N, C-alpha and C. Protein backbone atom coordinates (compact mmCIF):
# COMPACT_ATOMS: atom_id res chain seq x y z
N MET A 1 -49.79 32.43 54.73
CA MET A 1 -49.69 33.21 55.95
C MET A 1 -51.15 33.70 56.22
N PRO A 2 -51.57 33.57 57.45
CA PRO A 2 -52.94 34.08 57.74
C PRO A 2 -53.10 35.59 57.52
N LYS A 3 -54.29 36.00 57.16
CA LYS A 3 -54.66 37.36 56.82
C LYS A 3 -54.16 38.35 57.94
N GLN A 4 -54.45 38.03 59.15
CA GLN A 4 -54.15 38.95 60.28
C GLN A 4 -52.64 39.12 60.33
N LYS A 5 -51.88 38.05 60.15
CA LYS A 5 -50.38 38.07 60.20
C LYS A 5 -49.89 38.96 59.12
N VAL A 6 -50.45 38.76 57.88
CA VAL A 6 -49.91 39.52 56.76
C VAL A 6 -50.16 41.06 57.03
N LYS A 7 -51.30 41.42 57.52
CA LYS A 7 -51.58 42.79 57.83
C LYS A 7 -50.60 43.37 58.84
N GLU A 8 -50.34 42.59 59.87
CA GLU A 8 -49.35 42.96 60.94
C GLU A 8 -47.99 43.13 60.34
N VAL A 9 -47.49 42.25 59.49
CA VAL A 9 -46.21 42.37 58.90
C VAL A 9 -46.17 43.61 58.02
N ILE A 10 -47.16 43.87 57.23
CA ILE A 10 -47.21 45.03 56.40
C ILE A 10 -47.13 46.34 57.18
N GLN A 11 -47.84 46.33 58.31
CA GLN A 11 -47.81 47.57 59.14
C GLN A 11 -46.57 47.76 59.98
N LYS A 12 -45.98 46.65 60.47
CA LYS A 12 -44.99 46.81 61.55
C LYS A 12 -43.56 46.46 61.09
N SER A 13 -43.34 45.99 59.88
CA SER A 13 -42.05 45.64 59.51
C SER A 13 -41.13 46.82 59.37
N PRO A 14 -39.93 46.81 59.94
CA PRO A 14 -39.03 47.97 59.79
C PRO A 14 -38.38 48.04 58.43
N GLN A 15 -38.55 47.01 57.59
CA GLN A 15 -38.05 47.04 56.25
C GLN A 15 -39.25 46.91 55.30
N PRO A 16 -38.99 47.29 54.01
CA PRO A 16 -40.07 47.11 53.00
C PRO A 16 -40.51 45.70 52.93
N VAL A 17 -41.80 45.45 52.65
CA VAL A 17 -42.38 44.12 52.54
C VAL A 17 -42.98 43.94 51.15
N LEU A 18 -42.45 42.97 50.46
CA LEU A 18 -42.99 42.65 49.08
C LEU A 18 -44.06 41.53 49.25
N VAL A 19 -45.28 41.78 48.92
CA VAL A 19 -46.32 40.84 48.97
C VAL A 19 -46.47 40.16 47.58
N ASP A 20 -46.38 38.93 47.57
CA ASP A 20 -46.57 38.13 46.29
C ASP A 20 -47.92 37.57 46.31
N PHE A 21 -48.83 38.10 45.50
CA PHE A 21 -50.23 37.54 45.43
C PHE A 21 -50.14 36.45 44.38
N PHE A 22 -50.42 35.19 44.73
CA PHE A 22 -50.34 34.05 43.87
C PHE A 22 -51.41 32.97 44.08
N ALA A 23 -51.43 31.97 43.27
CA ALA A 23 -52.30 30.82 43.44
C ALA A 23 -51.50 29.59 43.03
N ASP A 24 -51.79 28.46 43.70
CA ASP A 24 -51.06 27.21 43.34
C ASP A 24 -51.28 26.73 41.93
N TRP A 25 -52.41 27.10 41.41
CA TRP A 25 -52.74 26.57 40.05
C TRP A 25 -52.20 27.53 38.95
N CYS A 26 -51.57 28.62 39.31
CA CYS A 26 -51.15 29.70 38.39
C CYS A 26 -49.84 29.38 37.76
N GLY A 27 -49.77 29.07 36.52
CA GLY A 27 -48.47 28.81 35.79
C GLY A 27 -47.51 29.88 35.86
N PRO A 28 -47.87 31.15 35.52
CA PRO A 28 -46.94 32.29 35.58
C PRO A 28 -46.47 32.43 37.03
N CYS A 29 -47.31 32.20 38.05
CA CYS A 29 -46.79 32.32 39.43
C CYS A 29 -45.70 31.27 39.75
N GLN A 30 -45.87 30.04 39.23
CA GLN A 30 -44.83 29.02 39.34
C GLN A 30 -43.58 29.35 38.60
N THR A 31 -43.69 30.03 37.50
CA THR A 31 -42.55 30.49 36.75
C THR A 31 -41.80 31.58 37.49
N MET A 32 -42.51 32.41 38.21
CA MET A 32 -41.77 33.47 38.92
C MET A 32 -41.12 33.00 40.28
N GLU A 33 -41.59 31.82 40.78
CA GLU A 33 -41.04 31.36 42.00
C GLU A 33 -39.49 31.32 42.13
N PRO A 34 -38.75 30.78 41.13
CA PRO A 34 -37.34 30.79 41.26
C PRO A 34 -36.76 32.18 41.04
N VAL A 35 -37.47 33.06 40.22
CA VAL A 35 -36.95 34.45 40.12
C VAL A 35 -37.11 35.18 41.43
N LEU A 36 -38.21 34.98 42.11
CA LEU A 36 -38.40 35.63 43.45
C LEU A 36 -37.35 35.15 44.45
N LYS A 37 -37.05 33.85 44.39
CA LYS A 37 -36.02 33.38 45.38
C LYS A 37 -34.73 33.98 45.05
N GLN A 38 -34.32 34.10 43.81
CA GLN A 38 -33.01 34.72 43.43
C GLN A 38 -33.00 36.18 43.85
N VAL A 39 -34.11 36.95 43.66
CA VAL A 39 -34.20 38.30 43.97
C VAL A 39 -34.02 38.56 45.45
N MET A 40 -34.72 37.66 46.24
CA MET A 40 -34.72 37.76 47.69
C MET A 40 -33.33 37.40 48.29
N ASP A 41 -32.70 36.46 47.57
CA ASP A 41 -31.23 36.21 47.96
C ASP A 41 -30.30 37.38 47.65
N ASP A 42 -30.55 38.03 46.59
CA ASP A 42 -29.74 39.15 46.18
C ASP A 42 -29.99 40.41 47.11
N LEU A 43 -31.19 40.53 47.61
CA LEU A 43 -31.58 41.65 48.43
C LEU A 43 -31.79 41.24 49.90
N GLU A 44 -31.05 40.16 50.24
CA GLU A 44 -31.18 39.55 51.60
C GLU A 44 -31.09 40.62 52.70
N GLY A 45 -32.03 40.63 53.58
CA GLY A 45 -32.00 41.58 54.68
C GLY A 45 -32.53 42.94 54.37
N LYS A 46 -32.85 43.27 53.14
CA LYS A 46 -33.27 44.56 52.70
C LYS A 46 -34.75 44.60 52.51
N ILE A 47 -35.32 43.52 52.05
CA ILE A 47 -36.80 43.39 51.78
C ILE A 47 -37.26 42.09 52.36
N LYS A 48 -38.45 42.12 52.94
CA LYS A 48 -39.12 40.93 53.43
C LYS A 48 -40.14 40.49 52.39
N LEU A 49 -40.20 39.17 52.16
CA LEU A 49 -41.18 38.59 51.17
C LEU A 49 -42.26 37.90 51.96
N VAL A 50 -43.53 38.24 51.57
CA VAL A 50 -44.70 37.63 52.16
C VAL A 50 -45.45 37.01 50.98
N LYS A 51 -45.76 35.80 51.01
CA LYS A 51 -46.61 35.14 49.91
C LYS A 51 -47.97 35.05 50.40
N LEU A 52 -48.93 35.51 49.51
CA LEU A 52 -50.35 35.54 49.83
C LEU A 52 -51.16 34.74 48.80
N ASN A 53 -51.62 33.66 49.20
CA ASN A 53 -52.47 32.81 48.27
C ASN A 53 -53.84 33.44 48.13
N ILE A 54 -54.21 33.83 46.93
CA ILE A 54 -55.44 34.58 46.67
C ILE A 54 -56.68 33.65 46.94
N ASP A 55 -56.52 32.37 46.77
CA ASP A 55 -57.62 31.40 47.03
C ASP A 55 -57.93 31.36 48.50
N ARG A 56 -56.97 31.46 49.32
CA ARG A 56 -57.19 31.35 50.73
C ARG A 56 -57.43 32.77 51.43
N ASN A 57 -57.13 33.76 50.62
CA ASN A 57 -57.27 35.19 51.14
C ASN A 57 -57.93 36.08 50.14
N PRO A 58 -59.12 35.78 49.69
CA PRO A 58 -59.81 36.58 48.57
C PRO A 58 -60.05 37.98 49.05
N GLN A 59 -60.27 38.22 50.37
CA GLN A 59 -60.65 39.61 50.79
C GLN A 59 -59.42 40.52 50.69
N MET A 60 -58.20 39.98 50.96
CA MET A 60 -57.06 40.84 50.84
C MET A 60 -56.75 41.17 49.39
N SER A 61 -56.97 40.25 48.45
CA SER A 61 -56.82 40.54 47.09
C SER A 61 -57.82 41.64 46.59
N LEU A 62 -58.99 41.59 47.09
CA LEU A 62 -60.02 42.57 46.77
C LEU A 62 -59.59 43.91 47.36
N GLN A 63 -59.20 43.92 48.62
CA GLN A 63 -58.80 45.15 49.30
C GLN A 63 -57.72 45.86 48.61
N PHE A 64 -56.74 45.08 48.03
CA PHE A 64 -55.63 45.83 47.37
C PHE A 64 -55.84 45.87 45.83
N GLY A 65 -57.01 45.52 45.29
CA GLY A 65 -57.29 45.72 43.87
C GLY A 65 -56.58 44.71 42.98
N VAL A 66 -56.21 43.56 43.47
CA VAL A 66 -55.46 42.57 42.73
C VAL A 66 -56.45 41.82 41.83
N ARG A 67 -56.30 41.99 40.54
CA ARG A 67 -57.26 41.42 39.63
C ARG A 67 -56.66 40.31 38.64
N SER A 68 -55.35 40.22 38.74
CA SER A 68 -54.60 39.17 37.95
C SER A 68 -53.37 38.80 38.75
N ILE A 69 -52.86 37.57 38.55
CA ILE A 69 -51.72 37.09 39.22
C ILE A 69 -50.75 36.52 38.22
N PRO A 70 -49.50 36.50 38.55
CA PRO A 70 -48.89 37.01 39.76
C PRO A 70 -48.97 38.51 39.84
N HIS A 71 -49.04 39.02 41.07
CA HIS A 71 -49.13 40.47 41.28
C HIS A 71 -48.23 40.74 42.53
N TYR A 72 -47.48 41.83 42.53
CA TYR A 72 -46.57 42.18 43.60
C TYR A 72 -46.86 43.62 44.04
N ILE A 73 -46.98 43.70 45.38
CA ILE A 73 -47.12 45.07 45.98
C ILE A 73 -46.00 45.23 47.07
N LEU A 74 -45.30 46.34 46.95
CA LEU A 74 -44.22 46.63 47.94
C LEU A 74 -44.80 47.67 48.91
N PHE A 75 -44.74 47.25 50.23
CA PHE A 75 -45.30 48.11 51.32
C PHE A 75 -44.03 48.62 52.20
N LYS A 76 -44.29 49.80 52.83
CA LYS A 76 -43.38 50.22 53.92
C LYS A 76 -44.27 50.99 54.82
N ASN A 77 -44.18 50.60 56.14
CA ASN A 77 -45.05 51.25 57.16
C ASN A 77 -46.54 51.31 56.72
N GLY A 78 -46.96 50.19 56.09
CA GLY A 78 -48.36 50.13 55.70
C GLY A 78 -48.77 50.88 54.45
N LYS A 79 -47.87 51.55 53.83
CA LYS A 79 -48.16 52.37 52.57
C LYS A 79 -47.60 51.62 51.36
N ILE A 80 -48.39 51.68 50.32
CA ILE A 80 -47.90 51.09 49.09
C ILE A 80 -46.86 51.98 48.41
N LEU A 81 -45.71 51.38 48.16
CA LEU A 81 -44.65 52.08 47.47
C LEU A 81 -44.53 51.80 45.98
N TRP A 82 -45.00 50.53 45.63
CA TRP A 82 -44.81 50.14 44.24
C TRP A 82 -45.70 48.88 44.06
N ARG A 83 -46.19 48.74 42.84
CA ARG A 83 -46.95 47.52 42.53
C ARG A 83 -46.79 47.19 41.05
N LYS A 84 -46.84 45.92 40.80
CA LYS A 84 -46.73 45.49 39.35
C LYS A 84 -47.29 44.11 39.26
N GLY A 85 -47.99 43.82 38.11
CA GLY A 85 -48.51 42.54 37.86
C GLY A 85 -47.83 41.86 36.68
N GLY A 86 -47.90 40.54 36.67
CA GLY A 86 -47.39 39.77 35.52
C GLY A 86 -45.97 39.30 35.71
N LEU A 87 -45.46 38.65 34.73
CA LEU A 87 -44.08 38.10 34.74
C LEU A 87 -43.07 39.23 34.58
N MET A 88 -41.96 38.99 35.33
CA MET A 88 -40.86 39.97 35.27
C MET A 88 -39.54 39.16 35.23
N THR A 89 -38.54 39.85 34.67
CA THR A 89 -37.22 39.22 34.71
C THR A 89 -36.58 39.56 36.09
N LYS A 90 -35.64 38.82 36.41
CA LYS A 90 -34.88 39.00 37.74
C LYS A 90 -34.34 40.42 37.71
N ARG A 91 -33.71 40.83 36.60
CA ARG A 91 -33.10 42.14 36.50
C ARG A 91 -34.11 43.28 36.67
N ASP A 92 -35.27 43.11 35.99
CA ASP A 92 -36.28 44.19 36.09
C ASP A 92 -36.84 44.33 37.47
N LEU A 93 -37.05 43.18 38.22
CA LEU A 93 -37.63 43.20 39.53
C LEU A 93 -36.64 43.74 40.48
N ILE A 94 -35.35 43.34 40.39
CA ILE A 94 -34.31 43.97 41.29
C ILE A 94 -34.21 45.47 41.03
N GLN A 95 -34.18 45.86 39.80
CA GLN A 95 -34.13 47.26 39.50
C GLN A 95 -35.24 48.02 40.07
N ALA A 96 -36.43 47.45 40.01
CA ALA A 96 -37.60 48.23 40.55
C ALA A 96 -37.55 48.28 42.07
N LEU A 97 -37.11 47.23 42.74
CA LEU A 97 -37.12 47.17 44.21
C LEU A 97 -35.90 47.95 44.77
N LYS A 98 -34.86 48.08 44.11
CA LYS A 98 -33.65 48.70 44.68
C LYS A 98 -33.91 50.16 44.91
N GLY A 99 -34.86 50.76 44.23
CA GLY A 99 -35.19 52.17 44.45
C GLY A 99 -35.80 52.36 45.76
N PHE A 100 -36.18 51.31 46.45
CA PHE A 100 -36.91 51.47 47.74
C PHE A 100 -36.15 50.90 48.90
N VAL A 101 -34.92 50.43 48.71
CA VAL A 101 -34.12 49.85 49.86
C VAL A 101 -32.91 50.70 50.12
């Protein structure tokens, strides 16, 4: 997703937006892909997922202090509600996000 579009979604979405900072070459990011899909299916309509490739958007990664991937930041109305880096289980990710939906 283009940088401008990501910023617009973060600022204007009526629901929380989970930004997944990833890279195609990142093994842990690939491991998290099915977990994210399951979490988004379980929380359908409550949270919007935006994937942000750090290789194509290095400025956004720097802006939000992302130093390792995978990294997740949850926004609402442009404000950071929650952030976490690294691998997570489906259960842990759902538990963390449910507090904000």
